[in-house]
Amino acid sequence: ASINETRAHREILRIYTQASKLTRPIYELGYDVARPVPEKLVICWMLWHVCRYRDQR
């Protein structure tokens, strides 16, 4: 199934804003500053990995 990009972006922002003081710096290591709104690449990868392997593929 396809994932809606708007929903994914909202979830990425939610994860980031609710992150603890210890976790947030790790997320900030993966900023993609080339985009107009920096993307949190660590969170993107984490969500991709969870979605990709949730069915033991």
C-alpha atoms as a PDB file:
ATOM      1  CA  ALA A   1       0.000   0.000   0.000  1.00  0.00           C
ATOM      2  CA  SER A   2       1.124   3.508  -0.767  1.00  0.00           C
ATOM      3  CA  ILE A   3       1.795   5.979   2.027  1.00  0.00           C
ATOM      4  CA  ASN A   4       0.417   9.491   1.692  1.00  0.00           C
ATOM      5  CA  GLU A   5       3.343  11.959   1.712  1.00  0.00           C
ATOM      6  CA  THR A   6       1.447  14.609   3.663  1.00  0.00           C
ATOM      7  CA  ARG A   7       0.566  12.135   6.394  1.00  0.00           C
ATOM      8  CA  ALA A   8       4.115  10.823   6.490  1.00  0.00           C
ATOM      9  CA  HIS A   9       5.520  14.343   6.825  1.00  0.00           C
ATOM     10  CA  ARG A  10       3.071  15.135   9.639  1.00  0.00           C
ATOM     11  CA  GLU A  11       4.087  11.955  11.451  1.00  0.00           C
ATOM     12  CA  ILE A  12       7.783  12.791  11.044  1.00  0.00           C
ATOM     13  CA  LEU A  13       7.180  16.210  12.579  1.00  0.00           C
ATOM     14  CA  ARG A  14       5.127  14.681  15.398  1.00  0.00           C
ATOM     15  CA  ILE A  15       7.872  12.186  16.219  1.00  0.00           C
ATOM     16  CA  TYR A  16      10.460  14.956  16.183  1.00  0.00           C
ATOM     17  CA  THR A  17       8.488  17.410  18.322  1.00  0.00           C
ATOM     18  CA  GLN A  18       7.650  14.748  20.911  1.00  0.00           C
ATOM     19  CA  ALA A  19      11.201  13.402  21.091  1.00  0.00           C
ATOM     20  CA  SER A  20      13.087  13.550  24.354  1.00  0.00           C
ATOM     21  CA  LYS A  21      16.065  15.839  24.933  1.00  0.00           C
ATOM     22  CA  LEU A  22      18.310  12.799  24.432  1.00  0.00           C
ATOM     23  CA  THR A  23      16.732  11.608  21.188  1.00  0.00           C
ATOM     24  CA  ARG A  24      16.259  14.918  19.383  1.00  0.00           C
ATOM     25  CA  PRO A  25      20.020  15.536  18.783  1.00  0.00           C
ATOM     26  CA  ILE A  26      20.229  12.146  17.062  1.00  0.00           C
ATOM     27  CA  TYR A  27      17.374  13.105  14.757  1.00  0.00           C
ATOM     28  CA  GLU A  28      19.099  16.417  14.020  1.00  0.00           C
ATOM     29  CA  LEU A  29      22.197  14.595  12.735  1.00  0.00           C
ATOM     30  CA  GLY A  30      20.174  13.558   9.701  1.00  0.00           C
ATOM     31  CA  TYR A  31      18.841  16.938   8.579  1.00  0.00           C
ATOM     32  CA  ASP A  32      18.633  17.397   4.817  1.00  0.00           C
ATOM     33  CA  VAL A  33      19.375  21.118   4.646  1.00  0.00           C
ATOM     34  CA  ALA A  34      19.196  21.128   0.831  1.00  0.00           C
ATOM     35  CA  ARG A  35      15.391  21.119   1.054  1.00  0.00           C
ATOM     36  CA  PRO A  36      13.373  24.307   1.656  1.00  0.00           C
ATOM     37  CA  VAL A  37      12.067  22.707   4.868  1.00  0.00           C
ATOM     38  CA  PRO A  38      14.828  20.493   6.310  1.00  0.00           C
ATOM     39  CA  GLU A  39      13.733  16.864   6.378  1.00  0.00           C
ATOM     40  CA  LYS A  40      14.573  14.667   9.335  1.00  0.00           C
ATOM     41  CA  LEU A  41      16.263  11.813   7.454  1.00  0.00           C
ATOM     42  CA  VAL A  42      16.864   9.627  10.523  1.00  0.00           C
ATOM     43  CA  ILE A  43      13.133   9.556  11.216  1.00  0.00           C
ATOM     44  CA  CYS A  44      12.369   9.002   7.508  1.00  0.00           C
ATOM     45  CA  TRP A  45      14.708   6.013   7.448  1.00  0.00           C
ATOM     46  CA  MET A  46      13.255   4.632  10.673  1.00  0.00           C
ATOM     47  CA  LEU A  47       9.694   4.827   9.331  1.00  0.00           C
ATOM     48  CA  TRP A  48      10.729   3.351   5.970  1.00  0.00           C
ATOM     49  CA  HIS A  49      12.494   0.493   7.731  1.00  0.00           C
ATOM     50  CA  VAL A  50       9.511  -0.254   9.973  1.00  0.00           C
ATOM     51  CA  CYS A  51       7.080  -0.176   7.032  1.00  0.00           C
ATOM     52  CA  ARG A  52       9.387  -2.211   4.801  1.00  0.00           C
ATOM     53  CA  TYR A  53      10.055  -4.997   7.294  1.00  0.00           C
ATOM     54  CA  ARG A  54       6.812  -5.108   9.279  1.00  0.00           C
ATOM     55  CA  ASP A  55       5.725  -8.192   7.325  1.00  0.00           C
ATOM     56  CA  GLN A  56       9.142  -9.905   7.603  1.00  0.00           C
ATOM     57  CA  ARG A  57       9.977  -9.211   3.965  1.00  0.00           C
END
